[in-house]
C-alpha cells in the first residue's frame, strides 16, 4: 500500500508540473520546451506547437492517473476538468482555461 501512495504522490506532482507547463505555454512564457528547441522561437507556428506539446503532456499524465486510480480532478476547476475530459485542445480551451481572460490566475 505504501508503494501505491508513493506512485500517487509522484503522479500528482507530475500532474502539477504538467499543469504549470501548459499554463505557461498558454501565456507564451518560457518553458523547458524553449530550451530544447530555441530555433523555433523565430517561427510563428512555434507557439501553437508548444501549446500542443504541453497539452499532450497534461493528457498523458491524466491518463496514467486514471489507469492507476489516482484522483486527479481536484487540481483543476470544473471547467478545466471538462476540457480535459473532451481531450481536444480547442480555441475554447486556449481562450477560457483561466475562466476569464482578465483574471489574475495566470502563472508567474
N, C-alpha and C. Protein backbone atom coordinates (compact mmCIF):
# COMPACT_ATOMS: atom_id res chain seq x y z
N UNK A 1 0.82 -1.19 0.00
CA UNK A 1 0.00 0.00 0.00
C UNK A 1 0.86 1.26 0.00
N UNK A 2 1.99 1.19 0.72
CA UNK A 2 2.87 2.35 0.78
C UNK A 2 3.39 2.71 -0.61
N UNK A 3 3.71 1.71 -1.42
CA UNK A 3 4.18 1.95 -2.78
C UNK A 3 3.10 2.64 -3.61
N UNK A 4 1.82 2.29 -3.38
CA UNK A 4 0.71 2.94 -4.07
C UNK A 4 0.63 4.42 -3.74
N UNK A 5 0.88 4.76 -2.47
CA UNK A 5 0.88 6.17 -2.07
C UNK A 5 2.02 6.92 -2.73
N UNK A 6 3.19 6.29 -2.82
CA UNK A 6 4.32 6.93 -3.49
C UNK A 6 4.02 7.16 -4.96
N UNK A 7 3.41 6.18 -5.60
CA UNK A 7 3.04 6.32 -7.00
C UNK A 7 2.03 7.44 -7.18
N UNK A 8 1.01 7.47 -6.31
CA UNK A 8 0.00 8.53 -6.39
C UNK A 8 0.60 9.90 -6.15
N UNK A 9 1.44 10.02 -5.15
CA UNK A 9 2.09 11.30 -4.86
C UNK A 9 2.99 11.74 -6.01
N UNK A 10 3.71 10.78 -6.57
CA UNK A 10 4.58 11.07 -7.71
C UNK A 10 3.77 11.57 -8.90
N UNK A 11 2.69 10.86 -9.22
CA UNK A 11 1.86 11.27 -10.36
C UNK A 11 1.22 12.63 -10.13
N UNK A 12 0.77 12.89 -8.91
CA UNK A 12 0.16 14.19 -8.63
C UNK A 12 1.18 15.32 -8.73
N UNK A 13 2.42 15.06 -8.35
CA UNK A 13 3.44 16.10 -8.51
C UNK A 13 3.74 16.33 -9.99
N UNK A 14 3.78 15.24 -10.76
CA UNK A 14 4.00 15.37 -12.21
C UNK A 14 2.82 16.07 -12.88
N UNK A 15 1.61 15.80 -12.39
CA UNK A 15 0.42 16.46 -12.91
C UNK A 15 0.47 17.96 -12.64
N UNK A 16 0.88 18.33 -11.44
CA UNK A 16 1.01 19.75 -11.10
C UNK A 16 2.04 20.43 -12.01
N UNK A 17 3.15 19.74 -12.26
CA UNK A 17 4.18 20.28 -13.16
C UNK A 17 3.64 20.43 -14.58
N UNK A 18 2.88 19.44 -15.05
CA UNK A 18 2.32 19.49 -16.40
C UNK A 18 1.30 20.62 -16.52
N UNK A 19 0.53 20.82 -15.47
CA UNK A 19 -0.46 21.92 -15.48
C UNK A 19 0.26 23.26 -15.58
N UNK A 20 1.30 23.45 -14.79
CA UNK A 20 2.07 24.69 -14.84
C UNK A 20 2.71 24.86 -16.22
N UNK A 21 3.25 23.77 -16.77
CA UNK A 21 3.86 23.82 -18.10
C UNK A 21 2.83 24.26 -19.14
N UNK A 22 1.64 23.68 -19.10
CA UNK A 22 0.59 24.04 -20.05
C UNK A 22 0.18 25.50 -19.87
N UNK A 23 0.01 25.93 -18.63
CA UNK A 23 -0.41 27.30 -18.38
C UNK A 23 0.66 28.31 -18.79
N UNK A 24 1.91 27.96 -18.60
CA UNK A 24 3.00 28.84 -19.07
C UNK A 24 3.01 28.90 -20.60
N UNK A 25 2.74 27.76 -21.25
CA UNK A 25 2.67 27.75 -22.71
C UNK A 25 1.51 28.61 -23.20
N UNK A 26 0.36 28.53 -22.50
CA UNK A 26 -0.78 29.38 -22.87
C UNK A 26 -0.45 30.86 -22.77
N UNK A 27 0.30 31.20 -21.75
CA UNK A 27 0.68 32.60 -21.52
C UNK A 27 1.91 33.03 -22.32
N UNK A 28 2.40 32.14 -23.19
CA UNK A 28 3.58 32.41 -24.01
C UNK A 28 4.80 32.74 -23.16
N UNK A 29 4.92 32.06 -22.03
CA UNK A 29 6.07 32.25 -21.16
C UNK A 29 7.08 31.14 -21.40
N UNK A 30 8.27 31.35 -20.90
CA UNK A 30 9.36 30.39 -21.10
C UNK A 30 9.03 29.05 -20.46
N UNK A 31 9.29 27.97 -21.19
CA UNK A 31 9.13 26.62 -20.67
C UNK A 31 10.38 25.81 -21.03
N UNK A 32 10.44 24.61 -20.53
CA UNK A 32 11.55 23.71 -20.85
C UNK A 32 11.63 23.46 -22.36
N UNK A 33 10.48 23.48 -23.02
CA UNK A 33 10.42 23.27 -24.47
C UNK A 33 11.25 24.31 -25.21
N UNK A 34 11.28 25.55 -24.71
CA UNK A 34 12.07 26.61 -25.35
C UNK A 34 13.56 26.27 -25.33
N UNK A 35 14.00 25.62 -24.26
CA UNK A 35 15.40 25.24 -24.16
C UNK A 35 15.75 24.11 -25.12
N UNK A 36 14.77 23.23 -25.36
CA UNK A 36 15.01 22.10 -26.26
C UNK A 36 15.04 22.52 -27.73
N UNK A 37 14.22 23.51 -28.07
CA UNK A 37 14.10 23.94 -29.47
C UNK A 37 14.20 25.46 -29.58
N UNK A 38 15.33 26.04 -29.23
CA UNK A 38 15.44 27.51 -29.22
C UNK A 38 15.25 28.16 -30.60
N UNK A 39 15.56 27.43 -31.66
CA UNK A 39 15.41 27.99 -33.01
C UNK A 39 13.95 28.20 -33.39
N UNK A 40 13.03 27.50 -32.72
CA UNK A 40 11.61 27.60 -33.09
C UNK A 40 10.99 28.92 -32.65
N UNK A 41 11.61 29.63 -31.73
CA UNK A 41 11.07 30.90 -31.24
C UNK A 41 10.89 31.87 -32.40
N UNK A 42 11.70 31.74 -33.43
CA UNK A 42 11.66 32.64 -34.58
C UNK A 42 10.48 32.36 -35.51
N UNK A 43 9.77 31.27 -35.31
CA UNK A 43 8.70 30.88 -36.22
C UNK A 43 7.33 31.06 -35.54
N UNK A 44 6.38 31.69 -36.23
CA UNK A 44 5.07 31.96 -35.64
C UNK A 44 4.31 30.71 -35.19
N UNK A 45 4.46 29.62 -35.91
CA UNK A 45 3.74 28.39 -35.55
C UNK A 45 4.29 27.75 -34.29
N UNK A 46 5.42 28.25 -33.81
CA UNK A 46 6.05 27.70 -32.62
C UNK A 46 5.10 27.70 -31.42
N UNK A 47 4.39 28.79 -31.19
CA UNK A 47 3.55 28.87 -30.01
C UNK A 47 2.41 27.87 -30.05
N UNK A 48 1.88 27.60 -31.23
CA UNK A 48 0.83 26.58 -31.35
C UNK A 48 1.39 25.20 -31.04
N UNK A 49 2.58 24.93 -31.57
CA UNK A 49 3.19 23.63 -31.34
C UNK A 49 3.57 23.46 -29.87
N UNK A 50 4.10 24.50 -29.28
CA UNK A 50 4.48 24.48 -27.87
C UNK A 50 3.27 24.18 -26.99
N UNK A 51 2.14 24.80 -27.30
CA UNK A 51 0.90 24.55 -26.55
C UNK A 51 0.41 23.13 -26.76
N UNK A 52 0.51 22.66 -27.97
CA UNK A 52 0.09 21.28 -28.27
C UNK A 52 0.92 20.28 -27.47
N UNK A 53 2.22 20.48 -27.43
CA UNK A 53 3.11 19.58 -26.68
C UNK A 53 2.75 19.59 -25.20
N UNK A 54 2.53 20.76 -24.64
CA UNK A 54 2.18 20.87 -23.22
C UNK A 54 0.82 20.22 -22.94
N UNK A 55 -0.14 20.41 -23.84
CA UNK A 55 -1.47 19.80 -23.70
C UNK A 55 -1.36 18.27 -23.75
N UNK A 56 -0.56 17.77 -24.67
CA UNK A 56 -0.36 16.32 -24.79
C UNK A 56 0.27 15.75 -23.53
N UNK A 57 1.22 16.46 -22.98
CA UNK A 57 1.86 16.02 -21.74
C UNK A 57 0.83 15.95 -20.61
N UNK A 58 0.01 16.98 -20.50
CA UNK A 58 -1.03 17.01 -19.47
C UNK A 58 -1.99 15.84 -19.62
N UNK A 59 -2.46 15.60 -20.84
CA UNK A 59 -3.40 14.50 -21.08
C UNK A 59 -2.76 13.14 -20.81
N UNK A 60 -1.49 12.99 -21.11
CA UNK A 60 -0.80 11.73 -20.86
C UNK A 60 -0.73 11.44 -19.37
N UNK A 61 -0.42 12.43 -18.58
CA UNK A 61 -0.34 12.22 -17.13
C UNK A 61 -1.73 11.97 -16.54
N UNK A 62 -2.75 12.66 -17.05
CA UNK A 62 -4.12 12.39 -16.61
C UNK A 62 -4.49 10.95 -16.93
N UNK A 63 -4.12 10.47 -18.11
CA UNK A 63 -4.40 9.08 -18.49
C UNK A 63 -3.75 8.10 -17.52
N UNK A 64 -2.51 8.36 -17.17
CA UNK A 64 -1.82 7.50 -16.21
C UNK A 64 -2.50 7.54 -14.84
N UNK A 65 -2.92 8.72 -14.42
CA UNK A 65 -3.65 8.84 -13.15
C UNK A 65 -4.92 8.00 -13.18
N UNK A 66 -5.65 8.08 -14.28
CA UNK A 66 -6.88 7.29 -14.40
C UNK A 66 -6.57 5.79 -14.31
N UNK A 67 -5.57 5.36 -15.04
CA UNK A 67 -5.23 3.94 -15.08
C UNK A 67 -4.78 3.42 -13.72
N UNK A 68 -4.20 4.29 -12.92
CA UNK A 68 -3.72 3.89 -11.59
C UNK A 68 -4.67 4.33 -10.47
N UNK A 69 -5.87 4.77 -10.87
CA UNK A 69 -6.91 5.20 -9.91
C UNK A 69 -6.43 6.30 -8.96
N UNK A 70 -5.71 7.26 -9.50
CA UNK A 70 -5.25 8.41 -8.73
C UNK A 70 -6.21 9.56 -9.02
N UNK A 71 -6.76 10.17 -7.97
CA UNK A 71 -7.69 11.29 -8.12
C UNK A 71 -6.95 12.53 -8.62
N UNK A 72 -7.21 12.88 -9.84
CA UNK A 72 -6.50 14.00 -10.45
C UNK A 72 -7.37 15.25 -10.57
N UNK A 73 -8.69 15.11 -10.54
CA UNK A 73 -9.60 16.20 -10.84
C UNK A 73 -9.51 17.37 -9.87
N UNK A 74 -9.11 17.13 -8.63
CA UNK A 74 -9.11 18.19 -7.62
C UNK A 74 -8.12 19.31 -7.93
N UNK A 75 -7.17 19.05 -8.80
CA UNK A 75 -6.17 20.08 -9.14
C UNK A 75 -6.68 21.06 -10.20
N UNK A 76 -7.91 20.83 -10.68
CA UNK A 76 -8.45 21.65 -11.76
C UNK A 76 -9.83 22.18 -11.41
N UNK A 77 -10.21 23.26 -12.06
CA UNK A 77 -11.57 23.77 -11.90
C UNK A 77 -12.54 22.85 -12.65
N UNK A 78 -13.82 23.02 -12.39
CA UNK A 78 -14.83 22.21 -13.08
C UNK A 78 -14.73 22.40 -14.60
N UNK A 79 -14.53 23.63 -15.02
CA UNK A 79 -14.42 23.92 -16.46
C UNK A 79 -13.18 23.27 -17.05
N UNK A 80 -12.07 23.34 -16.34
CA UNK A 80 -10.84 22.71 -16.82
C UNK A 80 -10.99 21.20 -16.90
N UNK A 81 -11.67 20.61 -15.91
CA UNK A 81 -11.93 19.17 -15.96
C UNK A 81 -12.73 18.80 -17.20
N UNK A 82 -13.69 19.64 -17.55
CA UNK A 82 -14.50 19.39 -18.74
C UNK A 82 -13.64 19.43 -20.00
N UNK A 83 -12.74 20.40 -20.08
CA UNK A 83 -11.84 20.47 -21.24
C UNK A 83 -10.96 19.22 -21.32
N UNK A 84 -10.44 18.81 -20.19
CA UNK A 84 -9.57 17.62 -20.17
C UNK A 84 -10.36 16.38 -20.57
N UNK A 85 -11.58 16.25 -20.10
CA UNK A 85 -12.42 15.10 -20.45
C UNK A 85 -12.67 15.04 -21.96
N UNK A 86 -12.82 16.19 -22.59
CA UNK A 86 -13.06 16.24 -24.04
C UNK A 86 -11.78 15.96 -24.83
N UNK A 87 -10.63 16.20 -24.21
CA UNK A 87 -9.32 15.89 -24.75
C UNK A 87 -8.89 16.75 -25.95
N UNK A 88 -9.74 17.56 -26.49
CA UNK A 88 -9.41 18.34 -27.68
C UNK A 88 -8.98 19.74 -27.26
N UNK A 89 -7.80 20.14 -27.70
CA UNK A 89 -7.33 21.49 -27.40
C UNK A 89 -7.95 22.45 -28.41
N UNK A 90 -9.12 22.90 -28.10
CA UNK A 90 -9.84 23.80 -28.99
C UNK A 90 -9.52 25.26 -28.65
N UNK A 91 -10.03 26.16 -29.47
CA UNK A 91 -9.85 27.59 -29.17
C UNK A 91 -10.51 27.95 -27.85
N UNK A 92 -11.57 27.23 -27.49
CA UNK A 92 -12.23 27.47 -26.21
C UNK A 92 -11.28 27.18 -25.05
N UNK A 93 -10.53 26.11 -25.14
CA UNK A 93 -9.54 25.79 -24.11
C UNK A 93 -8.50 26.90 -24.03
N UNK A 94 -8.00 27.32 -25.17
CA UNK A 94 -6.97 28.36 -25.21
C UNK A 94 -7.48 29.68 -24.65
N UNK A 95 -8.73 30.01 -24.96
CA UNK A 95 -9.29 31.30 -24.55
C UNK A 95 -9.81 31.32 -23.12
N UNK A 96 -10.32 30.18 -22.63
CA UNK A 96 -11.01 30.19 -21.33
C UNK A 96 -10.43 29.25 -20.29
N UNK A 97 -9.24 28.76 -20.47
CA UNK A 97 -8.63 27.88 -19.48
C UNK A 97 -8.59 28.56 -18.10
N UNK A 98 -8.29 29.84 -18.09
CA UNK A 98 -8.20 30.59 -16.84
C UNK A 98 -9.55 31.15 -16.42
N UNK A 99 -10.64 30.62 -16.96
CA UNK A 99 -12.03 31.02 -16.67
C UNK A 99 -12.39 32.33 -17.36
N UNK A 100 -11.62 33.39 -17.12
CA UNK A 100 -11.83 34.64 -17.84
C UNK A 100 -10.47 35.16 -18.27
N UNK A 101 -10.46 35.86 -19.37
CA UNK A 101 -9.19 36.36 -19.88
C UNK A 101 -8.60 37.47 -19.02
N UNK A 102 -9.41 38.14 -18.21
CA UNK A 102 -8.89 39.23 -17.42
C UNK A 102 -8.62 38.84 -15.97
N UNK A 103 -8.64 37.54 -15.69
CA UNK A 103 -8.37 37.10 -14.32
C UNK A 103 -6.89 37.18 -14.01
N UNK A 104 -6.56 37.16 -12.75
CA UNK A 104 -5.17 37.21 -12.31
C UNK A 104 -4.65 35.83 -11.98
N UNK A 105 -5.30 34.78 -12.52
CA UNK A 105 -4.92 33.41 -12.22
C UNK A 105 -3.72 32.93 -13.02
N UNK A 106 -3.29 33.71 -13.99
CA UNK A 106 -2.19 33.26 -14.84
C UNK A 106 -0.93 33.01 -14.03
N UNK A 107 -0.14 32.08 -14.49
CA UNK A 107 1.06 31.70 -13.76
C UNK A 107 2.13 32.77 -13.88
N UNK A 108 2.97 32.82 -12.89
CA UNK A 108 4.06 33.81 -12.93
C UNK A 108 5.36 33.18 -13.35
